[in-house]
Each structure stands twice: as C-alpha cells, then as structure tokens.
Amino acid sequence: MSSIELKRAGSLSYREAVPAAGADDQPVLLVHGFPQSSRMWVGLMEALAAAGRRSVAPDLYCLGDSTDPGPATYERNREALAELVAGLDLGPVALVVHDWGGFVGLSWACEHPELVSAMVISDAGFFSYGRWHGIAEAIRASGGEALVEAIDRDGFAAMLRGEGARFSDADIEAYWQPFESGRGRAATVEFYRSMDMEKLAPFDGRLAELSKPTLLLWGAEDGFAPVSGAHRLHGEIPGSELVIVDGAGHFVFETTPERCVEAVTEFLSRTS
C-alpha cells in the first residue's frame, strides 16, 4: 500500500502518491477547487496507487498548505501549475479537475496539449460566455471583502454540507484553517475578482480540438456549476463520456465517493 506524502516544489505544496512498485510513466494530475485543497483527492489517490498509478495533487495558492503572499489570482495559479508540472517533469498526465481547478487546469491543458493524455472534468464550467453564480457575483462586487469576512466556521460548514455532501468534521477543520489563520479570505476575493469569464475566450472550442479521452463527472443537483454545463461540454467534446450522479450536488466526490473513485479509475484504466 502506498502512502501519500505532502511535499513542496517552488511556490506550491502538493500531495503525491507513488505505487508500491514505484513511479510509472502515466501520472495523474489532480487540481482541486474552492474552498478545498489536495485533501479532497486522498481517496482517489489511494485507489490510483493501488491500480499502479502515480498521482500528484497541488494546493492552489493560499488553500491547503500553499502559503503565499498573494495575490491568489487565476493567472498566478495557472502559472504555478505549469511550473509544478515542468519542475516535476510529469507530462504527459491524465488531468482531473473540479470547480476552480477547471479554470486553472483546463486552460493549462489547452496551452500544453502535448502534456495531456486524458481529462476528467467534474462540476467545472469552462465557457467564455458563462456567468458566475450569485454568491460569486456578490464576492466579486465592491462589498466582497465584508461578505467573506462575515463567514464563520459554522456558516462555512453549512455551505460545504448544504447539498448533502458528507464532509467529516476533520475535513471541515482542514478546509477552514486558511480562512481562520491564513490568507484564505483574501485569496477568495482575489481569485473570484480575477476570473472574468471573458478570459476563457482564447480557449473556445479548444477542449474539442485536444482530441483527448474525456470523462464528465457531475452532480445532478449542482447549484454552483449546473448540470447543463456537463451536457454542453458533452456535446462539444467528441467521444466524451458523461456520468451524472443523481442526488449529488457540487461536491460530488464527498457525496458519493465510492462511485466517483470507481468511475475515474475505470475510465483512466481504459484510456490513458
């Protein structure tokens, strides 16, 4: 059984799992979203290691263990991801993204198609004509700092568990830590304000052009990245596979972890 180690390279901390038999030449790169960290991927990383796959999961700026003076913008996170992949000489990788990780990871993939062997996209929009959900719009507005500052631990936990996701108390504590004693609050405002959907215009149609095996894994009841986005991507990416998890919301990996892990590992075993 492989252990998962917390490491650091350059400006990012990351988790890495290497199979007991040693690193293979088909690594998996996992990019989390808000307000989580690489911790969200631990169960999947364990399953990948058991299947003989190395995996690497960075903490985006100011979340998890990636402390940084900021600003924690979309652009800086994308640059840091590119530096991590290059520094660890990872490519080509199977890319797995969720939420914010879609903006960061998929734009990186479009810029470096030769470094991508397959993609798993979970509850993550990637449309230049897309619109932010209501909470995000409020954070992006002039009063965003006060809104984020008003969030306490109980409200934070309620947000994560609001669609039935099974976050443990330990999960809540881990994800809350950057907001309690780090730059989590400032980073939230910085990322949301930096992520204008129009910035994705250079990547319109590019996911289809990548011609990579793609799995779309989505919660049917997602209130942040509606399932209509999954159907739209499914129509745009030739040959993509679509898995909709009934009864699950945005945090699908925490609602039905066994099903999600099985879907991803089975897909990657066939395609990359």
C-alpha atoms as a PDB file:
ATOM      1  CA  MET A   1       0.000   0.000   0.000  1.00  0.00           C
ATOM      2  CA  SER A   2       1.370   3.388  -0.993  1.00  0.00           C
ATOM      3  CA  SER A   3       1.489   6.301   1.424  1.00  0.00           C
ATOM      4  CA  ILE A   4       0.541   9.833   0.430  1.00  0.00           C
ATOM      5  CA  GLU A   5       3.218  12.412   1.156  1.00  0.00           C
ATOM      6  CA  LEU A   6       2.858  16.170   1.485  1.00  0.00           C
ATOM      7  CA  LYS A   7       5.692  17.886  -0.380  1.00  0.00           C
ATOM      8  CA  ARG A   8       6.649  21.275  -1.750  1.00  0.00           C
ATOM      9  CA  ALA A   9       8.075  22.374  -5.090  1.00  0.00           C
ATOM     10  CA  GLY A  10       8.616  26.023  -5.885  1.00  0.00           C
ATOM     11  CA  SER A  11       5.690  28.035  -4.588  1.00  0.00           C
ATOM     12  CA  LEU A  12       3.166  25.193  -4.247  1.00  0.00           C
ATOM     13  CA  SER A  13       2.659  22.427  -1.743  1.00  0.00           C
ATOM     14  CA  TYR A  14       1.333  19.179  -3.158  1.00  0.00           C
ATOM     15  CA  ARG A  15       0.377  15.660  -2.225  1.00  0.00           C
ATOM     16  CA  GLU A  16       1.958  12.747  -4.048  1.00  0.00           C
ATOM     17  CA  ALA A  17       1.131   9.058  -4.065  1.00  0.00           C
ATOM     18  CA  VAL A  18       3.501   6.586  -5.685  1.00  0.00           C
ATOM     19  CA  PRO A  19       2.577   2.894  -6.134  1.00  0.00           C
ATOM     20  CA  ALA A  20       4.462   0.410  -4.007  1.00  0.00           C
ATOM     21  CA  ALA A  21       6.180  -0.840  -7.162  1.00  0.00           C
ATOM     22  CA  GLY A  22       7.480   2.664  -7.885  1.00  0.00           C
ATOM     23  CA  ALA A  23       6.555   5.597 -10.133  1.00  0.00           C
ATOM     24  CA  ASP A  24       5.051   4.806 -13.513  1.00  0.00           C
ATOM     25  CA  ASP A  25       5.131   6.813 -16.727  1.00  0.00           C
ATOM     26  CA  GLN A  26       1.399   7.639 -16.675  1.00  0.00           C
ATOM     27  CA  PRO A  27       0.928  10.065 -13.776  1.00  0.00           C
ATOM     28  CA  VAL A  28      -2.387  11.625 -12.837  1.00  0.00           C
ATOM     29  CA  LEU A  29      -2.564  15.353 -12.045  1.00  0.00           C
ATOM     30  CA  LEU A  30      -5.472  16.383  -9.807  1.00  0.00           C
ATOM     31  CA  VAL A  31      -6.468  20.036  -9.379  1.00  0.00           C
ATOM     32  CA  HIS A  32      -8.972  20.927  -6.651  1.00  0.00           C
ATOM     33  CA  GLY A  33     -11.404  23.813  -6.410  1.00  0.00           C
ATOM     34  CA  PHE A  34     -12.798  26.227  -3.821  1.00  0.00           C
ATOM     35  CA  PRO A  35     -12.634  26.093  -0.842  1.00  0.00           C
ATOM     36  CA  GLN A  36     -10.859  22.752  -0.715  1.00  0.00           C
ATOM     37  CA  SER A  37      -7.274  21.578  -1.124  1.00  0.00           C
ATOM     38  CA  SER A  38      -5.435  18.497  -2.342  1.00  0.00           C
ATOM     39  CA  ARG A  39      -7.024  16.750   0.658  1.00  0.00           C
ATOM     40  CA  MET A  40     -10.171  16.236  -1.437  1.00  0.00           C
ATOM     41  CA  TRP A  41      -8.294  13.766  -3.650  1.00  0.00           C
ATOM     42  CA  VAL A  42      -6.873  11.457  -0.973  1.00  0.00           C
ATOM     43  CA  GLY A  43      -9.360   8.617  -1.530  1.00  0.00           C
ATOM     44  CA  LEU A  44      -8.872   8.745  -5.295  1.00  0.00           C
ATOM     45  CA  MET A  45      -5.092   8.922  -4.939  1.00  0.00           C
ATOM     46  CA  GLU A  46      -5.126   5.791  -2.780  1.00  0.00           C
ATOM     47  CA  ALA A  47      -7.182   3.955  -5.398  1.00  0.00           C
ATOM     48  CA  LEU A  48      -4.930   5.128  -8.211  1.00  0.00           C
ATOM     49  CA  ALA A  49      -1.838   3.955  -6.337  1.00  0.00           C
ATOM     50  CA  ALA A  50      -3.474   0.564  -5.770  1.00  0.00           C
ATOM     51  CA  ALA A  51      -4.012   0.393  -9.534  1.00  0.00           C
ATOM     52  CA  GLY A  52      -0.340   1.199 -10.159  1.00  0.00           C
ATOM     53  CA  ARG A  53      -0.705   4.903 -10.998  1.00  0.00           C
ATOM     54  CA  ARG A  54       1.342   7.755  -9.566  1.00  0.00           C
ATOM     55  CA  SER A  55      -0.662  10.877  -8.732  1.00  0.00           C
ATOM     56  CA  VAL A  56       0.180  14.472  -7.841  1.00  0.00           C
ATOM     57  CA  ALA A  57      -2.303  16.973  -6.385  1.00  0.00           C
ATOM     58  CA  PRO A  58      -1.203  20.585  -5.753  1.00  0.00           C
ATOM     59  CA  ASP A  59      -2.743  23.003  -3.264  1.00  0.00           C
ATOM     60  CA  LEU A  60      -3.760  26.162  -5.092  1.00  0.00           C
ATOM     61  CA  TYR A  61      -2.435  29.416  -3.668  1.00  0.00           C
ATOM     62  CA  CYS A  62      -3.478  30.196  -0.084  1.00  0.00           C
ATOM     63  CA  LEU A  63      -5.510  26.995   0.240  1.00  0.00           C
ATOM     64  CA  GLY A  64      -4.276  23.841   1.938  1.00  0.00           C
ATOM     65  CA  ASP A  65      -0.568  24.199   2.668  1.00  0.00           C
ATOM     66  CA  SER A  66       0.341  26.531  -0.209  1.00  0.00           C
ATOM     67  CA  THR A  67       1.022  29.689   1.743  1.00  0.00           C
ATOM     68  CA  ASP A  68       1.720  32.665  -0.486  1.00  0.00           C
ATOM     69  CA  PRO A  69       1.759  36.447  -0.124  1.00  0.00           C
ATOM     70  CA  GLY A  70      -0.706  36.777  -2.987  1.00  0.00           C
ATOM     71  CA  PRO A  71      -2.466  37.851  -4.985  1.00  0.00           C
ATOM     72  CA  ALA A  72      -4.041  34.428  -5.490  1.00  0.00           C
ATOM     73  CA  THR A  73      -5.344  35.134  -8.969  1.00  0.00           C
ATOM     74  CA  TYR A  74      -6.410  32.812 -11.755  1.00  0.00           C
ATOM     75  CA  GLU A  75      -3.318  33.784 -13.744  1.00  0.00           C
ATOM     76  CA  ARG A  76      -0.830  33.159 -10.933  1.00  0.00           C
ATOM     77  CA  ASN A  77      -2.377  29.788 -10.108  1.00  0.00           C
ATOM     78  CA  ARG A  78      -2.195  28.745 -13.766  1.00  0.00           C
ATOM     79  CA  GLU A  79       1.462  29.798 -13.951  1.00  0.00           C
ATOM     80  CA  ALA A  80       2.256  27.949 -10.726  1.00  0.00           C
ATOM     81  CA  LEU A  81       0.619  24.772 -12.042  1.00  0.00           C
ATOM     82  CA  ALA A  82       2.685  24.947 -15.226  1.00  0.00           C
ATOM     83  CA  GLU A  83       5.858  25.424 -13.173  1.00  0.00           C
ATOM     84  CA  LEU A  84       4.982  22.441 -10.968  1.00  0.00           C
ATOM     85  CA  VAL A  85       4.395  20.118 -13.923  1.00  0.00           C
ATOM     86  CA  ALA A  86       7.637  21.237 -15.549  1.00  0.00           C
ATOM     87  CA  GLY A  87       9.623  21.071 -12.326  1.00  0.00           C
ATOM     88  CA  LEU A  88       8.472  17.532 -11.567  1.00  0.00           C
ATOM     89  CA  ASP A  89       8.761  16.503 -15.236  1.00  0.00           C
ATOM     90  CA  LEU A  90       5.278  14.998 -15.041  1.00  0.00           C
ATOM     91  CA  GLY A  91       3.920  15.062 -18.572  1.00  0.00           C
ATOM     92  CA  PRO A  92       2.050  13.609 -20.216  1.00  0.00           C
ATOM     93  CA  VAL A  93      -0.569  13.414 -17.462  1.00  0.00           C
ATOM     94  CA  ALA A  94      -4.168  12.391 -17.083  1.00  0.00           C
ATOM     95  CA  LEU A  95      -5.749  15.618 -15.814  1.00  0.00           C
ATOM     96  CA  VAL A  96      -8.556  15.540 -13.235  1.00  0.00           C
ATOM     97  CA  VAL A  97     -10.211  18.848 -12.245  1.00  0.00           C
ATOM     98  CA  HIS A  98     -13.033  20.069 -10.041  1.00  0.00           C
ATOM     99  CA  ASP A  99     -14.584  23.538  -9.629  1.00  0.00           C
ATOM    100  CA  TRP A 100     -11.878  26.299  -9.753  1.00  0.00           C
ATOM    101  CA  GLY A 101      -9.463  23.575 -10.786  1.00  0.00           C
ATOM    102  CA  GLY A 102     -11.252  23.562 -14.126  1.00  0.00           C
ATOM    103  CA  PHE A 103     -10.318  27.159 -14.910  1.00  0.00           C
ATOM    104  CA  VAL A 104      -6.714  26.585 -13.883  1.00  0.00           C
ATOM    105  CA  GLY A 105      -6.192  23.053 -15.152  1.00  0.00           C
ATOM    106  CA  LEU A 106      -8.132  23.175 -18.416  1.00  0.00           C
ATOM    107  CA  SER A 107      -6.565  26.440 -19.568  1.00  0.00           C
ATOM    108  CA  TRP A 108      -3.157  24.896 -18.815  1.00  0.00           C
ATOM    109  CA  ALA A 109      -4.170  21.814 -20.839  1.00  0.00           C
ATOM    110  CA  CYS A 110      -5.212  23.952 -23.806  1.00  0.00           C
ATOM    111  CA  GLU A 111      -1.823  25.666 -23.740  1.00  0.00           C
ATOM    112  CA  HIS A 112       0.106  22.382 -23.343  1.00  0.00           C
ATOM    113  CA  PRO A 113      -1.857  19.713 -25.255  1.00  0.00           C
ATOM    114  CA  GLU A 114       1.233  17.562 -25.668  1.00  0.00           C
ATOM    115  CA  LEU A 115       1.365  17.128 -21.876  1.00  0.00           C
ATOM    116  CA  VAL A 116      -2.176  15.742 -21.548  1.00  0.00           C
ATOM    117  CA  SER A 117      -3.219  12.149 -22.181  1.00  0.00           C
ATOM    118  CA  ALA A 118      -6.811  12.235 -20.875  1.00  0.00           C
ATOM    119  CA  MET A 119      -9.161  14.510 -18.929  1.00  0.00           C
ATOM    120  CA  VAL A 120     -11.734  14.127 -16.172  1.00  0.00           C
ATOM    121  CA  ILE A 121     -13.850  17.245 -15.692  1.00  0.00           C
ATOM    122  CA  SER A 122     -16.057  17.398 -12.609  1.00  0.00           C
ATOM    123  CA  ASP A 123     -18.527  20.189 -11.823  1.00  0.00           C
ATOM    124  CA  ALA A 124     -16.447  22.844 -13.554  1.00  0.00           C
ATOM    125  CA  GLY A 125     -17.625  25.317 -16.166  1.00  0.00           C
ATOM    126  CA  PHE A 126     -15.228  26.411 -18.910  1.00  0.00           C
ATOM    127  CA  PHE A 127     -17.226  28.788 -21.081  1.00  0.00           C
ATOM    128  CA  SER A 128     -16.279  32.335 -22.062  1.00  0.00           C
ATOM    129  CA  TYR A 129     -19.996  33.164 -22.213  1.00  0.00           C
ATOM    130  CA  GLY A 130     -20.645  31.652 -18.780  1.00  0.00           C
ATOM    131  CA  ARG A 131     -21.942  33.543 -15.776  1.00  0.00           C
ATOM    132  CA  TRP A 132     -20.941  33.350 -12.136  1.00  0.00           C
ATOM    133  CA  HIS A 133     -23.458  32.072  -9.585  1.00  0.00           C
ATOM    134  CA  GLY A 134     -24.977  34.545  -7.144  1.00  0.00           C
ATOM    135  CA  ILE A 135     -22.547  34.078  -4.262  1.00  0.00           C
ATOM    136  CA  ALA A 136     -19.577  34.551  -6.574  1.00  0.00           C
ATOM    137  CA  GLU A 137     -21.076  37.724  -8.029  1.00  0.00           C
ATOM    138  CA  ALA A 138     -21.508  39.098  -4.518  1.00  0.00           C
ATOM    139  CA  ILE A 139     -17.869  38.331  -3.692  1.00  0.00           C
ATOM    140  CA  ARG A 140     -16.720  39.986  -6.918  1.00  0.00           C
ATOM    141  CA  ALA A 141     -18.682  43.138  -6.086  1.00  0.00           C
ATOM    142  CA  SER A 142     -17.372  46.084  -4.085  1.00  0.00           C
ATOM    143  CA  GLY A 143     -18.578  44.648  -0.775  1.00  0.00           C
ATOM    144  CA  GLY A 144     -16.948  41.258  -1.312  1.00  0.00           C
ATOM    145  CA  GLU A 145     -14.366  41.637   1.443  1.00  0.00           C
ATOM    146  CA  ALA A 146     -17.014  42.276   4.074  1.00  0.00           C
ATOM    147  CA  LEU A 147     -19.100  39.346   2.850  1.00  0.00           C
ATOM    148  CA  VAL A 148     -16.203  36.908   3.070  1.00  0.00           C
ATOM    149  CA  GLU A 149     -15.057  38.328   6.407  1.00  0.00           C
ATOM    150  CA  ALA A 150     -18.515  37.647   7.861  1.00  0.00           C
ATOM    151  CA  ILE A 151     -18.298  33.907   7.197  1.00  0.00           C
ATOM    152  CA  ASP A 152     -17.721  31.909  10.377  1.00  0.00           C
ATOM    153  CA  ARG A 153     -16.875  28.239  10.793  1.00  0.00           C
ATOM    154  CA  ASP A 154     -20.499  27.155  11.180  1.00  0.00           C
ATOM    155  CA  GLY A 155     -21.544  29.019   8.036  1.00  0.00           C
ATOM    156  CA  PHE A 156     -18.571  27.572   6.193  1.00  0.00           C
ATOM    157  CA  ALA A 157     -19.546  24.050   7.224  1.00  0.00           C
ATOM    158  CA  ALA A 158     -23.159  24.645   6.245  1.00  0.00           C
ATOM    159  CA  MET A 159     -22.067  25.775   2.763  1.00  0.00           C
ATOM    160  CA  LEU A 160     -19.986  22.649   2.203  1.00  0.00           C
ATOM    161  CA  ARG A 161     -22.662  20.294   3.519  1.00  0.00           C
ATOM    162  CA  GLY A 162     -25.591  22.181   2.011  1.00  0.00           C
ATOM    163  CA  GLU A 163     -26.270  19.747  -0.849  1.00  0.00           C
ATOM    164  CA  GLY A 164     -25.816  16.603   1.214  1.00  0.00           C
ATOM    165  CA  ALA A 165     -22.045  16.208   0.862  1.00  0.00           C
ATOM    166  CA  ARG A 166     -20.538  14.047   3.594  1.00  0.00           C
ATOM    167  CA  PHE A 167     -17.708  16.248   4.825  1.00  0.00           C
ATOM    168  CA  SER A 168     -16.284  14.979   8.111  1.00  0.00           C
ATOM    169  CA  ASP A 169     -15.529  17.322  10.979  1.00  0.00           C
ATOM    170  CA  ALA A 170     -11.829  16.794  10.204  1.00  0.00           C
ATOM    171  CA  ASP A 171     -12.436  17.850   6.591  1.00  0.00           C
ATOM    172  CA  ILE A 172     -14.222  20.998   7.694  1.00  0.00           C
ATOM    173  CA  GLU A 173     -11.421  21.863  10.088  1.00  0.00           C
ATOM    174  CA  ALA A 174      -8.745  21.337   7.437  1.00  0.00           C
ATOM    175  CA  TYR A 175     -10.510  23.448   4.813  1.00  0.00           C
ATOM    176  CA  TRP A 176     -11.401  26.154   7.334  1.00  0.00           C
ATOM    177  CA  GLN A 177      -7.830  26.590   8.559  1.00  0.00           C
ATOM    178  CA  PRO A 178      -6.661  29.014   5.806  1.00  0.00           C
ATOM    179  CA  PHE A 179      -9.712  31.173   6.492  1.00  0.00           C
ATOM    180  CA  GLU A 180      -9.116  31.230  10.224  1.00  0.00           C
ATOM    181  CA  SER A 181      -5.377  31.857  10.311  1.00  0.00           C
ATOM    182  CA  GLY A 182      -4.130  32.262   6.726  1.00  0.00           C
ATOM    183  CA  ARG A 183      -4.938  34.206   3.558  1.00  0.00           C
ATOM    184  CA  GLY A 184      -7.990  32.149   2.657  1.00  0.00           C
ATOM    185  CA  ARG A 185     -10.405  35.067   2.850  1.00  0.00           C
ATOM    186  CA  ALA A 186      -8.234  37.433   0.809  1.00  0.00           C
ATOM    187  CA  ALA A 187      -7.462  34.673  -1.699  1.00  0.00           C
ATOM    188  CA  THR A 188     -11.166  34.004  -2.207  1.00  0.00           C
ATOM    189  CA  VAL A 189     -11.790  37.614  -3.217  1.00  0.00           C
ATOM    190  CA  GLU A 190      -8.635  37.753  -5.331  1.00  0.00           C
ATOM    191  CA  PHE A 191      -9.454  34.646  -7.330  1.00  0.00           C
ATOM    192  CA  TYR A 192     -13.114  35.456  -7.934  1.00  0.00           C
ATOM    193  CA  ARG A 193     -12.351  39.026  -8.996  1.00  0.00           C
ATOM    194  CA  SER A 194      -9.547  37.919 -11.305  1.00  0.00           C
ATOM    195  CA  MET A 195     -11.659  35.270 -13.046  1.00  0.00           C
ATOM    196  CA  ASP A 196     -13.602  37.134 -15.709  1.00  0.00           C
ATOM    197  CA  MET A 197     -15.245  34.558 -17.942  1.00  0.00           C
ATOM    198  CA  GLU A 198     -14.125  36.538 -20.993  1.00  0.00           C
ATOM    199  CA  LYS A 199     -10.577  35.423 -20.222  1.00  0.00           C
ATOM    200  CA  LEU A 200     -11.578  31.968 -21.448  1.00  0.00           C
ATOM    201  CA  ALA A 201     -12.318  33.245 -24.971  1.00  0.00           C
ATOM    202  CA  PRO A 202      -8.909  32.121 -26.345  1.00  0.00           C
ATOM    203  CA  PHE A 203      -9.881  28.578 -25.347  1.00  0.00           C
ATOM    204  CA  ASP A 204     -13.302  28.464 -27.028  1.00  0.00           C
ATOM    205  CA  GLY A 205     -13.505  25.146 -28.861  1.00  0.00           C
ATOM    206  CA  ARG A 206     -10.049  24.087 -27.721  1.00  0.00           C
ATOM    207  CA  LEU A 207     -11.167  21.214 -25.481  1.00  0.00           C
ATOM    208  CA  ALA A 208     -12.696  19.558 -28.529  1.00  0.00           C
ATOM    209  CA  GLU A 209      -9.555  20.207 -30.557  1.00  0.00           C
ATOM    210  CA  LEU A 210      -7.407  18.474 -27.948  1.00  0.00           C
ATOM    211  CA  SER A 211      -8.943  15.146 -29.036  1.00  0.00           C
ATOM    212  CA  LYS A 212      -8.230  13.601 -25.642  1.00  0.00           C
ATOM    213  CA  PRO A 213     -10.380  10.926 -23.983  1.00  0.00           C
ATOM    214  CA  THR A 214     -12.660  12.872 -21.630  1.00  0.00           C
ATOM    215  CA  LEU A 215     -14.936  11.890 -18.750  1.00  0.00           C
ATOM    216  CA  LEU A 216     -17.506  14.385 -17.477  1.00  0.00           C
ATOM    217  CA  LEU A 217     -18.489  13.538 -13.897  1.00  0.00           C
ATOM    218  CA  TRP A 218     -21.208  15.753 -12.433  1.00  0.00           C
ATOM    219  CA  GLY A 219     -23.648  16.043  -9.562  1.00  0.00           C
ATOM    220  CA  ALA A 220     -27.199  16.233 -10.907  1.00  0.00           C
ATOM    221  CA  GLU A 221     -28.217  18.777  -8.268  1.00  0.00           C
ATOM    222  CA  ASP A 222     -25.189  21.080  -8.536  1.00  0.00           C
ATOM    223  CA  GLY A 223     -26.296  24.582  -7.602  1.00  0.00           C
ATOM    224  CA  PHE A 224     -22.952  26.223  -8.396  1.00  0.00           C
ATOM    225  CA  ALA A 225     -21.995  24.627 -11.734  1.00  0.00           C
ATOM    226  CA  PRO A 226     -25.343  23.402 -13.094  1.00  0.00           C
ATOM    227  CA  VAL A 227     -25.540  20.071 -14.865  1.00  0.00           C
ATOM    228  CA  SER A 228     -26.472  21.883 -18.068  1.00  0.00           C
ATOM    229  CA  GLY A 229     -22.762  22.689 -18.343  1.00  0.00           C
ATOM    230  CA  ALA A 230     -21.950  18.989 -18.360  1.00  0.00           C
ATOM    231  CA  HIS A 231     -24.389  18.375 -21.200  1.00  0.00           C
ATOM    232  CA  ARG A 232     -22.953  21.329 -23.098  1.00  0.00           C
ATOM    233  CA  LEU A 233     -19.401  20.010 -22.757  1.00  0.00           C
ATOM    234  CA  HIS A 234     -20.595  16.536 -23.722  1.00  0.00           C
ATOM    235  CA  GLY A 235     -21.984  17.982 -26.938  1.00  0.00           C
ATOM    236  CA  GLU A 236     -18.815  19.947 -27.658  1.00  0.00           C
ATOM    237  CA  ILE A 237     -16.165  17.278 -26.931  1.00  0.00           C
ATOM    238  CA  PRO A 238     -16.362  14.405 -29.428  1.00  0.00           C
ATOM    239  CA  GLY A 239     -16.360  10.965 -27.844  1.00  0.00           C
ATOM    240  CA  SER A 240     -16.641  12.290 -24.302  1.00  0.00           C
ATOM    241  CA  GLU A 241     -18.287  10.122 -21.671  1.00  0.00           C
ATOM    242  CA  LEU A 242     -20.913  11.569 -19.333  1.00  0.00           C
ATOM    243  CA  VAL A 243     -21.676  10.344 -15.816  1.00  0.00           C
ATOM    244  CA  ILE A 244     -24.417  12.203 -13.935  1.00  0.00           C
ATOM    245  CA  VAL A 245     -24.715  11.297 -10.259  1.00  0.00           C
ATOM    246  CA  ASP A 246     -28.323  11.560  -9.124  1.00  0.00           C
ATOM    247  CA  GLY A 247     -28.837  13.055  -5.675  1.00  0.00           C
ATOM    248  CA  ALA A 248     -25.404  14.680  -5.623  1.00  0.00           C
ATOM    249  CA  GLY A 249     -24.651  18.396  -5.704  1.00  0.00           C
ATOM    250  CA  HIS A 250     -21.480  20.329  -6.407  1.00  0.00           C
ATOM    251  CA  PHE A 251     -19.233  18.348  -4.068  1.00  0.00           C
ATOM    252  CA  VAL A 252     -19.885  15.073  -5.815  1.00  0.00           C
ATOM    253  CA  PHE A 253     -16.699  13.367  -4.579  1.00  0.00           C
ATOM    254  CA  GLU A 254     -17.812  13.919  -0.986  1.00  0.00           C
ATOM    255  CA  THR A 255     -21.409  12.830  -1.639  1.00  0.00           C
ATOM    256  CA  THR A 256     -20.768   9.531  -3.442  1.00  0.00           C
ATOM    257  CA  PRO A 257     -17.018   8.926  -3.006  1.00  0.00           C
ATOM    258  CA  GLU A 258     -17.063   5.239  -3.898  1.00  0.00           C
ATOM    259  CA  ARG A 259     -18.936   5.781  -7.147  1.00  0.00           C
ATOM    260  CA  CYS A 260     -16.735   8.699  -8.175  1.00  0.00           C
ATOM    261  CA  VAL A 261     -13.498   6.872  -7.430  1.00  0.00           C
ATOM    262  CA  GLU A 262     -14.694   3.833  -9.356  1.00  0.00           C
ATOM    263  CA  ALA A 263     -15.784   5.959 -12.336  1.00  0.00           C
ATOM    264  CA  VAL A 264     -12.450   7.775 -12.566  1.00  0.00           C
ATOM    265  CA  THR A 265     -10.178   4.773 -12.044  1.00  0.00           C
ATOM    266  CA  GLU A 266     -12.135   2.643 -14.517  1.00  0.00           C
ATOM    267  CA  PHE A 267     -12.094   5.396 -17.130  1.00  0.00           C
ATOM    268  CA  LEU A 268      -8.352   6.023 -16.769  1.00  0.00           C
ATOM    269  CA  SER A 269      -7.571   2.294 -16.900  1.00  0.00           C
ATOM    270  CA  ARG A 270      -9.153   2.204 -20.366  1.00  0.00           C
ATOM    271  CA  THR A 271      -7.976   5.473 -21.820  1.00  0.00           C
ATOM    272  CA  SER A 272      -4.563   6.528 -20.565  1.00  0.00           C
END
